[in-house]
Amino acid sequence: MSITILKLLLFSILIAPATSINRDQCANEIWALINNKTLNPNDGSKFWDQPVPNTPLSITNEFCNSQCGEKFSWYPNNEIASRLVVWLIPVLVLMGNLHMPSLSAKYKLFSLLHMLGDPVDTLLSLQHTLAIRHAAYIWAQRTITQLDLQVQPDDLATVSWALDTLDAGGSAETVLIPVLHRPTFPFALQEAASDIRAATVKEPTRTFLAIAIYLSTVTSAFIKASSDNQALSRPGNRIAFAMLYSWLIPVILLSSFGNRFTTSDACIRAIRRFSRHLDLEETELLPKQFSSKIIGYGIYHTSDPQKAAPWAGAIYVFRPRKAIFWQNVPHFPSPLYLLLCALAPIAIAVVTAVLISYNTPTKGIGCRSITHLSITTMWLLSFLITTTLQKTGLATGKWLLVIVAIKDAVIGLGSLCTVILIFAGRFNSCWCWSNGLNGVLGHSLHILLGATHLLQANAESIYPGLVGAGLGAQALAFLLMWGGGWAGNRWWGLLHFRPKGSNTANKWFRSENNRRDSEIPLVKESDAQSTHS
């Protein structure tokens, strides 16, 4: 349904009239009227400032409506296409590089909708997923040392986070501790860890390529704007809306660190084999039932972890049982710190977008700045709704996922459709050319016409500086997430200086990649010998 709506929206834009309100053309017409004495340049009801040749015209909103057009009009089709291709398509390509779970198409669509409609919860869930894995490695390392176990820390950590994937919010350590001393545990652990690593993939190259394309597109647009005299190529408010989605960069980077299973049943098959080697029932390692309800009704139970996987932990961008302010898990980073890190990219994006729109002539908090703030407010409201549903238990399990999906579709697709409409000319009107709230509150509402040279000057100086600062701040936000501890790395690790006792930094990621699974036997040696005999 949502795809059909987008198609109809794009079709209605493409069949729009080729003519539209033109700011520069209107300025030329007014100058012509001034030059032939039809207009009095000293008329305060029409001109906010007295016209000066070779400078932008400053006119009142009422005069603009009567002279240029009272309503909005769509941009020409070629300009719409240029705006979408240059500024919006790279953002959509970046969205498509989210590392999604190997589940059915509807759950992949849910991952995209949740990212679009609730970026704060997406960032927080990804951080929690990675933080749990790091905490599992520290726990495994200390447990092996304390109990003198003959197993590898990365093997124990791998099985631990696999259990978390099937039951996020449960305690994998509590489940594993009773079986650590079983005779078959070392072999069962090695084989399970080998199966899990063989069934997971990381795709950082694809992620870095998508980010490189996004950055190169933005850079080339600025280069073209500063060297081309065609007004069509000059970015202004359009780059602001592209920067409003710059939080996608840390989201995509975070998702690239999460190991994605190649098939939907790979994780549960490895855990089932692990259980059989330990002579355990599957329910001894996982919940006997996964329950779902909505306000006490619509109760749904399933004992199949694979059916419950979408809302139990397999979707890394959605962890319904994560902590917000306090987490009772050893070696886990501060949940409050993770929350602040999740909010930071959104704050950076909206501040960058508002500053760009504010500095676009006519300077002020206008239609586009208000839209930036409104979309951000909806994202924050979306996170509040998701958190309230999770913490109050009004909806759980699959019902929570359904409600969140509907909410994310409304907010996420609504925001995206709003941006498309603006790119097509919905704000091509006198009011949206004005200084907006600044003019209303300061009783100085006016509009600059013929400000082409100001736009070009901004494209050469102000916009690149703001965009560079915004993208740099997003990179810093990602480093703050990294420095928070989920990757086993602190700031001294990034600076190649580690105090005494901190030599485990980043070891987990290295051991995961360097472990040679070919050295691990697929069957026990005793079983192989009995087979040959």
Protein backbone atom coordinates (compact mmCIF):
# COMPACT_ATOMS: atom_id res chain seq x y z
CA MET A 1 0.00 0.00 0.00
CA SER A 2 2.76 2.46 0.97
CA ILE A 3 4.64 1.76 -2.28
CA THR A 4 1.46 2.49 -4.27
CA ILE A 5 1.04 5.81 -2.44
CA LEU A 6 4.63 6.79 -3.27
CA LYS A 7 4.07 5.89 -6.94
CA LEU A 8 0.91 8.01 -7.10
CA LEU A 9 2.74 10.87 -5.39
CA LEU A 10 5.63 10.78 -7.86
CA PHE A 11 3.22 10.46 -10.80
CA SER A 12 1.23 13.50 -9.68
CA ILE A 13 4.46 15.48 -9.44
CA LEU A 14 5.72 14.40 -12.86
CA ILE A 15 2.50 15.44 -14.61
CA ALA A 16 2.59 18.87 -12.97
CA PRO A 17 2.61 21.90 -15.27
CA ALA A 18 5.96 22.87 -16.72
CA THR A 19 5.47 26.51 -15.60
CA SER A 20 5.87 27.62 -11.99
CA ILE A 21 6.39 30.67 -9.81
CA ASN A 22 9.91 31.87 -10.44
CA ARG A 23 11.61 34.05 -7.86
CA ASP A 24 14.19 35.60 -10.20
CA GLN A 25 11.64 36.16 -12.96
CA CYS A 26 9.33 37.96 -10.54
CA ALA A 27 12.24 40.18 -9.45
CA ASN A 28 12.97 41.08 -13.08
CA GLU A 29 9.32 41.97 -13.66
CA ILE A 30 9.28 44.25 -10.61
CA TRP A 31 12.48 45.99 -11.72
CA ALA A 32 10.91 46.54 -15.14
CA LEU A 33 7.89 48.19 -13.48
CA ILE A 34 10.19 50.39 -11.39
CA ASN A 35 12.23 51.43 -14.43
CA ASN A 36 9.17 52.39 -16.47
CA LYS A 37 7.81 54.40 -13.51
CA THR A 38 4.81 52.11 -13.02
CA LEU A 39 5.92 51.32 -9.46
CA ASN A 40 7.00 53.84 -6.86
CA PRO A 41 10.20 52.50 -5.21
CA ASN A 42 9.39 54.55 -2.09
CA ASP A 43 6.05 52.79 -1.54
CA GLY A 44 6.39 51.26 1.95
CA SER A 45 3.36 49.03 1.44
CA LYS A 46 5.23 47.19 -1.30
CA PHE A 47 8.93 47.54 -0.52
CA TRP A 48 10.43 46.70 2.87
CA ASP A 49 13.66 48.45 1.90
CA GLN A 50 14.10 50.99 -0.86
CA PRO A 51 15.25 49.19 -4.05
CA VAL A 52 18.92 49.60 -4.94
CA PRO A 53 20.18 48.49 -8.37
CA ASN A 54 22.22 45.25 -8.48
CA THR A 55 21.01 44.18 -5.02
CA PRO A 56 18.15 41.84 -4.02
CA LEU A 57 14.68 43.36 -3.80
CA SER A 58 13.15 43.36 -0.33
CA ILE A 59 9.36 43.35 -0.67
CA THR A 60 6.39 42.79 1.62
CA ASN A 61 4.48 39.52 1.69
CA GLU A 62 1.28 41.18 0.47
CA PHE A 63 2.99 42.68 -2.57
CA CYS A 64 4.68 39.36 -3.33
CA ASN A 65 1.33 37.58 -3.29
CA SER A 66 -0.20 40.10 -5.68
CA GLN A 67 2.78 40.34 -8.02
CA CYS A 68 4.37 36.84 -7.99
CA GLY A 69 1.42 34.63 -7.11
CA GLU A 70 -0.57 33.98 -3.97
CA LYS A 71 -0.43 30.18 -4.02
CA PHE A 72 2.42 27.71 -4.42
CA SER A 73 3.33 26.02 -7.69
CA TRP A 74 5.36 22.93 -8.56
CA TYR A 75 8.86 23.31 -9.95
CA PRO A 76 9.51 22.41 -13.61
CA ASN A 77 9.80 18.66 -14.17
CA ASN A 78 13.50 18.77 -15.02
CA GLU A 79 14.26 20.65 -11.79
CA ILE A 80 12.26 18.14 -9.73
CA ALA A 81 14.17 15.28 -11.31
CA SER A 82 17.48 17.03 -10.64
CA ARG A 83 16.64 17.61 -6.98
CA LEU A 84 15.55 14.01 -6.44
CA VAL A 85 18.54 12.48 -8.22
CA VAL A 86 21.19 14.71 -6.67
CA TRP A 87 19.93 15.03 -3.10
CA LEU A 88 17.32 12.37 -2.28
CA ILE A 89 18.36 9.24 -4.17
CA PRO A 90 21.78 8.99 -2.42
CA VAL A 91 19.96 9.12 0.93
CA LEU A 92 17.66 6.28 -0.17
CA VAL A 93 20.68 4.26 -1.35
CA LEU A 94 22.25 4.77 2.07
CA MET A 95 19.04 3.50 3.69
CA GLY A 96 19.14 0.38 1.54
CA ASN A 97 22.53 -0.55 2.98
CA LEU A 98 21.12 -1.26 6.42
CA HIS A 99 22.18 -4.79 7.40
CA MET A 100 18.83 -6.52 7.73
CA PRO A 101 18.01 -9.90 9.30
CA SER A 102 17.67 -13.02 7.17
CA LEU A 103 13.94 -13.19 7.77
CA SER A 104 10.98 -12.86 5.42
CA ALA A 105 10.47 -9.73 3.33
CA LYS A 106 7.92 -8.21 5.70
CA TYR A 107 10.44 -8.18 8.55
CA LYS A 108 13.10 -6.64 6.32
CA LEU A 109 10.54 -3.97 5.43
CA PHE A 110 9.87 -3.51 9.15
CA SER A 111 13.60 -2.90 9.74
CA LEU A 112 13.60 -0.13 7.12
CA LEU A 113 10.37 1.41 8.43
CA HIS A 114 11.63 1.33 12.01
CA MET A 115 14.85 3.05 10.96
CA LEU A 116 12.87 5.74 9.08
CA GLY A 117 10.16 6.22 11.70
CA ASP A 118 12.14 5.77 14.92
CA PRO A 119 15.84 6.50 14.40
CA VAL A 120 16.50 7.01 18.13
CA ASP A 121 15.26 3.52 19.05
CA THR A 122 17.15 2.12 16.05
CA LEU A 123 20.44 3.64 17.21
CA LEU A 124 19.82 2.60 20.80
CA SER A 125 18.90 -0.98 19.86
CA LEU A 126 22.01 -1.38 17.69
CA GLN A 127 24.21 -0.09 20.50
CA HIS A 128 22.59 -2.47 23.00
CA THR A 129 23.06 -5.41 20.64
CA LEU A 130 26.77 -4.68 20.29
CA ALA A 131 27.20 -3.82 23.98
CA ILE A 132 25.71 -7.18 25.00
CA ARG A 133 28.23 -8.93 22.77
CA HIS A 134 31.14 -7.06 24.28
CA ALA A 135 29.85 -7.75 27.80
CA ALA A 136 29.55 -11.44 26.85
CA TYR A 137 33.22 -11.52 25.85
CA ILE A 138 34.39 -9.91 29.11
CA TRP A 139 32.19 -12.33 31.08
CA ALA A 140 33.55 -15.29 29.10
CA GLN A 141 37.14 -14.23 29.65
CA ARG A 142 36.73 -13.83 33.40
CA THR A 143 34.62 -16.97 33.82
CA ILE A 144 37.18 -19.12 31.99
CA THR A 145 39.97 -17.73 34.19
CA GLN A 146 38.05 -18.17 37.45
CA LEU A 147 36.80 -21.70 36.69
CA ASP A 148 39.91 -22.83 34.77
CA LEU A 149 37.86 -23.94 31.76
CA GLN A 150 39.61 -25.39 28.72
CA VAL A 151 37.70 -23.35 26.16
CA GLN A 152 38.30 -20.19 24.15
CA PRO A 153 36.75 -16.90 25.35
CA ASP A 154 35.53 -15.98 21.88
CA ASP A 155 33.78 -19.38 21.57
CA LEU A 156 31.92 -18.87 24.84
CA ALA A 157 31.08 -15.27 23.94
CA THR A 158 29.83 -16.30 20.48
CA VAL A 159 27.39 -18.85 21.90
CA SER A 160 26.32 -16.33 24.54
CA TRP A 161 25.39 -13.63 22.01
CA ALA A 162 23.70 -16.25 19.81
CA LEU A 163 21.42 -17.05 22.76
CA ASP A 164 20.80 -13.31 23.12
CA THR A 165 19.78 -13.19 19.44
CA LEU A 166 17.09 -15.78 20.17
CA ASP A 167 16.03 -14.26 23.50
CA ALA A 168 17.16 -10.63 23.77
CA GLY A 169 16.61 -9.44 27.30
CA GLY A 170 17.20 -12.85 28.82
CA SER A 171 20.37 -13.80 30.66
CA ALA A 172 22.56 -16.04 28.51
CA GLU A 173 25.15 -16.24 31.29
CA THR A 174 22.59 -17.63 33.74
CA VAL A 175 21.67 -20.29 31.19
CA LEU A 176 25.27 -21.29 30.44
CA ILE A 177 26.73 -21.38 33.97
CA PRO A 178 25.01 -24.69 34.99
CA VAL A 179 26.48 -26.53 31.96
CA LEU A 180 30.05 -25.21 32.04
CA HIS A 181 31.46 -28.30 33.80
CA ARG A 182 29.73 -30.95 31.71
CA PRO A 183 32.26 -33.32 30.09
CA THR A 184 30.96 -32.63 26.59
CA PHE A 185 30.85 -28.85 27.06
CA PRO A 186 34.25 -27.98 25.44
CA PHE A 187 33.47 -29.91 22.26
CA ALA A 188 29.84 -28.73 22.13
CA LEU A 189 30.96 -25.14 22.58
CA GLN A 190 33.62 -25.35 19.87
CA GLU A 191 31.26 -26.86 17.36
CA ALA A 192 28.43 -24.42 18.14
CA ALA A 193 30.74 -21.41 17.91
CA SER A 194 32.15 -22.74 14.63
CA ASP A 195 28.64 -23.20 13.22
CA ILE A 196 27.63 -19.69 14.28
CA ARG A 197 30.69 -18.01 12.80
CA ALA A 198 30.31 -19.96 9.56
CA ALA A 199 26.68 -18.83 9.31
CA THR A 200 27.28 -15.12 9.89
CA VAL A 201 28.65 -12.45 7.59
CA LYS A 202 29.87 -8.88 7.85
CA GLU A 203 29.63 -6.55 4.87
CA PRO A 204 31.64 -3.44 5.77
CA THR A 205 32.86 -2.95 2.19
CA ARG A 206 29.32 -2.44 0.92
CA THR A 207 28.63 -0.02 3.78
CA PHE A 208 31.75 2.05 3.20
CA LEU A 209 31.02 2.17 -0.54
CA ALA A 210 27.49 3.48 0.08
CA ILE A 211 28.79 6.16 2.43
CA ALA A 212 31.49 7.10 -0.09
CA ILE A 213 28.83 7.49 -2.81
CA TYR A 214 26.74 9.67 -0.50
CA LEU A 215 29.70 11.91 0.38
CA SER A 216 30.95 12.15 -3.21
CA THR A 217 27.46 13.14 -4.39
CA VAL A 218 27.26 15.95 -1.85
CA THR A 219 30.79 17.12 -2.70
CA SER A 220 30.22 17.08 -6.47
CA ALA A 221 26.99 19.05 -6.05
CA PHE A 222 28.86 21.82 -4.24
CA ILE A 223 31.63 21.87 -6.84
CA LYS A 224 29.05 22.16 -9.61
CA ALA A 225 27.17 24.88 -7.73
CA SER A 226 30.25 27.03 -7.26
CA SER A 227 31.33 26.77 -10.91
CA ASP A 228 28.03 26.68 -12.81
CA ASN A 229 26.05 29.82 -13.55
CA GLN A 230 22.79 27.91 -13.93
CA ALA A 231 20.46 28.60 -11.01
CA LEU A 232 19.13 25.06 -11.29
CA SER A 233 22.35 23.63 -9.86
CA ARG A 234 22.60 25.84 -6.76
CA PRO A 235 21.78 24.01 -3.53
CA GLY A 236 19.94 25.80 -0.79
CA ASN A 237 17.18 24.34 1.30
CA ARG A 238 17.40 21.05 -0.59
CA ILE A 239 20.77 20.22 0.99
CA ALA A 240 19.21 20.93 4.38
CA PHE A 241 16.72 18.10 3.91
CA ALA A 242 19.49 15.77 2.79
CA MET A 243 21.42 16.66 5.95
CA LEU A 244 18.32 16.03 8.06
CA TYR A 245 18.92 12.34 7.32
CA SER A 246 22.67 12.44 8.01
CA TRP A 247 22.04 10.30 11.12
CA LEU A 248 21.90 7.42 8.64
CA ILE A 249 25.71 7.38 8.60
CA PRO A 250 26.16 6.18 12.23
CA VAL A 251 23.16 3.86 11.85
CA ILE A 252 24.64 2.12 8.80
CA LEU A 253 28.09 1.98 10.41
CA LEU A 254 26.68 0.42 13.58
CA SER A 255 24.68 -2.14 11.63
CA SER A 256 27.82 -3.17 9.71
CA PHE A 257 29.42 -4.30 12.98
CA GLY A 258 26.57 -6.71 13.73
CA ASN A 259 27.10 -10.21 12.37
CA ARG A 260 24.17 -11.03 10.10
CA PHE A 261 23.07 -14.66 9.86
CA THR A 262 22.98 -16.00 6.32
CA THR A 263 19.71 -17.93 6.82
CA SER A 264 16.74 -17.44 9.11
CA ASP A 265 17.27 -20.75 10.95
CA ALA A 266 21.09 -20.75 11.17
CA CYS A 267 21.21 -19.52 14.76
CA ILE A 268 18.56 -21.86 16.14
CA ARG A 269 20.10 -24.86 14.36
CA ALA A 270 23.47 -24.17 16.00
CA ILE A 271 21.87 -23.84 19.44
CA ARG A 272 19.84 -27.02 18.93
CA ARG A 273 23.00 -28.98 18.08
CA PHE A 274 24.66 -27.40 21.10
CA SER A 275 21.77 -28.61 23.29
CA ARG A 276 21.92 -32.15 21.88
CA HIS A 277 25.66 -32.44 22.53
CA LEU A 278 24.99 -31.47 26.15
CA ASP A 279 22.05 -33.90 26.43
CA LEU A 280 19.73 -31.00 27.16
CA GLU A 281 16.24 -30.14 26.08
CA GLU A 282 16.03 -27.02 23.94
CA THR A 283 13.74 -25.40 26.51
CA GLU A 284 16.52 -25.59 29.10
CA LEU A 285 18.47 -22.98 27.14
CA LEU A 286 15.58 -20.95 25.74
CA PRO A 287 12.17 -19.91 27.11
CA LYS A 288 9.52 -22.62 27.06
CA GLN A 289 7.07 -20.15 25.58
CA PHE A 290 7.25 -16.78 23.83
CA SER A 291 4.12 -14.81 24.73
CA SER A 292 2.46 -11.85 23.03
CA LYS A 293 -0.44 -9.76 24.25
CA ILE A 294 -2.09 -6.37 23.83
CA ILE A 295 -3.68 -4.71 26.90
CA GLY A 296 -4.22 -8.15 28.43
CA TYR A 297 -6.05 -9.49 25.37
CA GLY A 298 -5.10 -11.16 22.12
CA ILE A 299 -2.73 -13.45 23.99
CA TYR A 300 -0.56 -15.49 21.64
CA HIS A 301 1.90 -18.21 22.65
CA THR A 302 4.50 -20.07 20.65
CA SER A 303 7.20 -22.49 21.73
CA ASP A 304 9.06 -22.17 18.42
CA PRO A 305 12.00 -19.74 18.80
CA GLN A 306 12.16 -19.30 15.02
CA LYS A 307 8.58 -17.99 14.89
CA ALA A 308 9.29 -15.64 17.78
CA ALA A 309 12.66 -14.51 16.38
CA PRO A 310 11.41 -11.22 14.80
CA TRP A 311 10.30 -9.81 18.16
CA ALA A 312 12.67 -11.79 20.41
CA GLY A 313 15.99 -10.38 19.20
CA ALA A 314 16.76 -11.38 15.61
CA ILE A 315 16.05 -7.86 14.35
CA TYR A 316 19.02 -5.89 15.67
CA VAL A 317 17.37 -2.49 15.17
CA PHE A 318 14.49 -3.49 17.47
CA ARG A 319 15.15 -4.75 21.02
CA PRO A 320 11.86 -4.51 22.94
CA ARG A 321 13.36 -5.43 26.34
CA LYS A 322 16.39 -3.18 26.39
CA ALA A 323 17.18 -1.02 29.40
CA ILE A 324 16.87 2.74 29.08
CA PHE A 325 18.45 4.14 32.26
CA TRP A 326 19.86 1.17 34.19
CA GLN A 327 21.06 -2.29 33.14
CA ASN A 328 21.71 -5.16 35.56
CA VAL A 329 24.31 -6.81 33.31
CA PRO A 330 27.98 -6.95 34.33
CA HIS A 331 30.46 -5.13 32.07
CA PHE A 332 27.61 -3.37 30.22
CA PRO A 333 28.14 0.33 29.34
CA SER A 334 25.91 2.90 30.99
CA PRO A 335 22.45 2.73 29.34
CA LEU A 336 22.06 6.47 29.93
CA TYR A 337 25.30 7.08 28.02
CA LEU A 338 24.02 4.90 25.17
CA LEU A 339 20.75 6.86 25.15
CA LEU A 340 22.62 10.17 24.89
CA CYS A 341 24.73 8.70 22.08
CA ALA A 342 21.52 7.65 20.29
CA LEU A 343 20.08 11.16 20.59
CA ALA A 344 23.27 12.90 19.46
CA PRO A 345 23.07 12.05 15.69
CA ILE A 346 19.45 13.25 15.55
CA ALA A 347 20.36 16.51 17.29
CA ILE A 348 23.34 17.03 14.97
CA ALA A 349 21.19 16.39 11.89
CA VAL A 350 18.40 18.81 12.82
CA VAL A 351 20.80 21.57 13.96
CA THR A 352 22.73 21.31 10.69
CA ALA A 353 19.52 21.32 8.62
CA VAL A 354 18.02 24.31 10.47
CA LEU A 355 21.25 26.33 10.19
CA ILE A 356 21.40 25.72 6.43
CA SER A 357 17.75 26.68 5.93
CA TYR A 358 18.09 29.68 8.24
CA ASN A 359 21.02 31.06 6.22
CA THR A 360 19.24 30.59 2.89
CA PRO A 361 17.82 33.93 1.69
CA THR A 362 15.55 35.24 3.08
CA LYS A 363 17.27 34.55 6.43
CA GLY A 364 14.93 33.37 9.16
CA ILE A 365 12.98 30.47 10.63
CA GLY A 366 10.76 29.77 7.64
CA CYS A 367 8.70 26.89 6.29
CA ARG A 368 11.64 24.54 5.85
CA SER A 369 13.19 25.17 9.26
CA ILE A 370 9.80 24.59 10.87
CA THR A 371 9.48 21.35 8.87
CA HIS A 372 12.92 20.18 10.07
CA LEU A 373 11.89 20.79 13.67
CA SER A 374 8.47 19.17 13.13
CA ILE A 375 9.94 15.99 11.61
CA THR A 376 12.47 15.75 14.44
CA THR A 377 9.70 16.22 17.00
CA MET A 378 7.81 13.35 15.38
CA TRP A 379 10.91 11.15 15.61
CA LEU A 380 11.25 11.94 19.31
CA LEU A 381 7.54 11.31 19.84
CA SER A 382 7.93 8.01 18.00
CA PHE A 383 10.70 6.96 20.40
CA LEU A 384 8.56 8.00 23.36
CA ILE A 385 5.65 5.88 22.10
CA THR A 386 7.90 2.86 21.50
CA THR A 387 9.49 3.16 24.94
CA THR A 388 6.13 3.64 26.68
CA LEU A 389 4.70 0.53 25.02
CA GLN A 390 7.80 -1.47 25.97
CA LYS A 391 8.00 -0.37 29.59
CA THR A 392 4.30 -0.43 30.46
CA GLY A 393 3.68 -3.82 28.88
CA LEU A 394 0.58 -2.52 27.10
CA ALA A 395 1.70 -4.57 24.13
CA THR A 396 4.31 -7.30 23.95
CA GLY A 397 5.74 -9.74 21.44
CA LYS A 398 4.29 -9.73 17.97
CA TRP A 399 1.54 -7.25 18.91
CA LEU A 400 4.16 -4.72 19.96
CA LEU A 401 5.96 -5.26 16.67
CA VAL A 402 2.72 -4.71 14.70
CA ILE A 403 1.86 -1.49 16.56
CA VAL A 404 5.40 -0.16 16.21
CA ALA A 405 5.37 -1.03 12.49
CA ILE A 406 2.15 0.93 11.92
CA LYS A 407 3.47 3.88 13.90
CA ASP A 408 6.79 3.83 12.02
CA ALA A 409 5.06 3.60 8.64
CA VAL A 410 2.94 6.66 9.41
CA ILE A 411 5.83 8.75 10.75
CA GLY A 412 8.64 7.44 8.54
CA LEU A 413 6.83 7.42 5.21
CA GLY A 414 4.97 10.60 6.12
CA SER A 415 8.28 12.40 6.69
CA LEU A 416 9.74 11.03 3.46
CA CYS A 417 6.67 12.02 1.44
CA THR A 418 6.85 15.50 2.96
CA VAL A 419 10.45 15.87 1.77
CA ILE A 420 9.50 14.68 -1.73
CA LEU A 421 6.65 17.21 -1.90
CA ILE A 422 8.98 20.01 -0.79
CA PHE A 423 11.56 18.99 -3.38
CA ALA A 424 8.76 19.15 -5.95
CA GLY A 425 7.74 22.70 -5.03
CA ARG A 426 5.20 22.55 -2.20
CA PHE A 427 7.09 25.40 -0.51
CA ASN A 428 7.54 27.39 -3.73
CA SER A 429 5.45 30.32 -2.48
CA CYS A 430 5.85 33.84 -1.16
CA TRP A 431 5.34 32.88 2.47
CA CYS A 432 7.98 30.16 2.26
CA TRP A 433 10.40 32.56 0.57
CA SER A 434 10.06 34.96 3.51
CA ASN A 435 11.90 35.19 6.83
CA GLY A 436 8.97 33.35 8.43
CA LEU A 437 8.71 33.38 12.22
CA ASN A 438 11.47 35.97 12.53
CA GLY A 439 9.38 38.35 10.45
CA VAL A 440 6.12 37.57 12.23
CA LEU A 441 7.51 37.89 15.75
CA GLY A 442 9.67 40.90 14.90
CA HIS A 443 6.98 42.58 12.76
CA SER A 444 9.45 42.58 9.89
CA LEU A 445 8.01 40.02 7.48
CA HIS A 446 9.64 40.48 4.10
CA ILE A 447 10.97 38.54 1.10
CA LEU A 448 14.21 38.84 -0.84
CA LEU A 449 13.89 38.48 -4.61
CA GLY A 450 16.78 38.26 -7.04
CA ALA A 451 19.08 36.71 -4.43
CA THR A 452 20.80 34.37 -6.88
CA HIS A 453 24.28 35.69 -6.18
CA LEU A 454 23.69 35.21 -2.43
CA LEU A 455 22.77 31.57 -3.03
CA GLN A 456 25.90 31.05 -5.09
CA ALA A 457 28.04 32.70 -2.41
CA ASN A 458 26.49 30.40 0.19
CA ALA A 459 27.19 27.39 -2.03
CA GLU A 460 30.84 28.39 -2.12
CA SER A 461 31.29 29.16 1.58
CA ILE A 462 28.52 28.74 4.17
CA TYR A 463 26.88 25.52 2.98
CA PRO A 464 30.09 23.47 2.58
CA GLY A 465 31.22 24.59 6.02
CA LEU A 466 27.93 23.62 7.66
CA VAL A 467 27.73 20.31 5.80
CA GLY A 468 31.35 19.47 6.62
CA ALA A 469 30.80 20.32 10.28
CA GLY A 470 27.60 18.26 10.36
CA LEU A 471 29.16 15.19 8.77
CA GLY A 472 32.23 15.54 10.98
CA ALA A 473 29.99 15.73 14.04
CA GLN A 474 28.22 12.53 12.91
CA ALA A 475 31.60 10.81 12.67
CA LEU A 476 32.43 12.09 16.16
CA ALA A 477 29.09 10.78 17.46
CA PHE A 478 29.97 7.34 16.11
CA LEU A 479 33.37 7.53 17.82
CA LEU A 480 31.61 8.44 21.07
CA MET A 481 29.52 5.30 20.71
CA TRP A 482 32.70 3.33 20.06
CA GLY A 483 34.44 4.98 23.00
CA GLY A 484 31.50 4.09 25.23
CA GLY A 485 32.80 0.55 25.46
CA TRP A 486 30.62 -1.64 23.23
CA ALA A 487 33.57 -2.39 20.95
CA GLY A 488 35.96 -3.04 23.80
CA ASN A 489 37.71 0.19 22.94
CA ARG A 490 38.23 3.33 25.00
CA TRP A 491 39.67 6.64 23.97
CA TRP A 492 43.14 5.57 25.07
CA GLY A 493 42.77 2.56 22.77
CA LEU A 494 41.99 4.83 19.84
CA LEU A 495 45.08 6.87 20.70
CA HIS A 496 47.22 3.71 20.88
CA PHE A 497 47.77 4.19 24.60
CA ARG A 498 46.43 1.62 27.06
CA PRO A 499 46.86 1.85 30.81
CA LYS A 500 47.94 -1.23 32.68
CA GLY A 501 45.20 -3.85 32.78
CA SER A 502 43.35 -2.64 29.68
CA ASN A 503 45.11 -4.81 27.10
CA THR A 504 41.88 -6.56 26.10
CA ALA A 505 40.66 -3.58 24.09
CA ASN A 506 39.31 -4.59 20.69
CA LYS A 507 40.50 -8.20 21.18
CA TRP A 508 37.02 -9.59 20.72
CA PHE A 509 36.64 -8.19 17.19
CA ARG A 510 40.10 -9.41 16.21
CA SER A 511 39.55 -12.89 17.62
CA GLU A 512 36.20 -13.24 15.85
CA ASN A 513 37.78 -12.51 12.48
CA ASN A 514 41.05 -14.40 12.99
CA ARG A 515 39.66 -17.61 14.51
CA ARG A 516 40.40 -20.54 12.19
CA ASP A 517 37.29 -22.68 12.32
CA SER A 518 38.92 -25.31 10.09
CA GLU A 519 40.94 -26.41 13.12
CA ILE A 520 37.77 -27.33 15.02
CA PRO A 521 36.59 -30.92 14.46
CA LEU A 522 33.01 -31.39 13.39
CA VAL A 523 32.79 -34.63 15.42
CA LYS A 524 34.55 -35.76 18.57
CA GLU A 525 37.68 -37.84 18.07
CA SER A 526 36.23 -40.65 20.20
CA ASP A 527 33.17 -40.81 17.96
CA ALA A 528 35.36 -40.92 14.84
CA GLN A 529 37.49 -43.76 16.24
CA SER A 530 34.43 -45.82 17.19
CA THR A 531 33.06 -45.33 13.67
CA HIS A 532 36.26 -46.62 12.03
CA SER A 533 36.46 -49.59 14.38
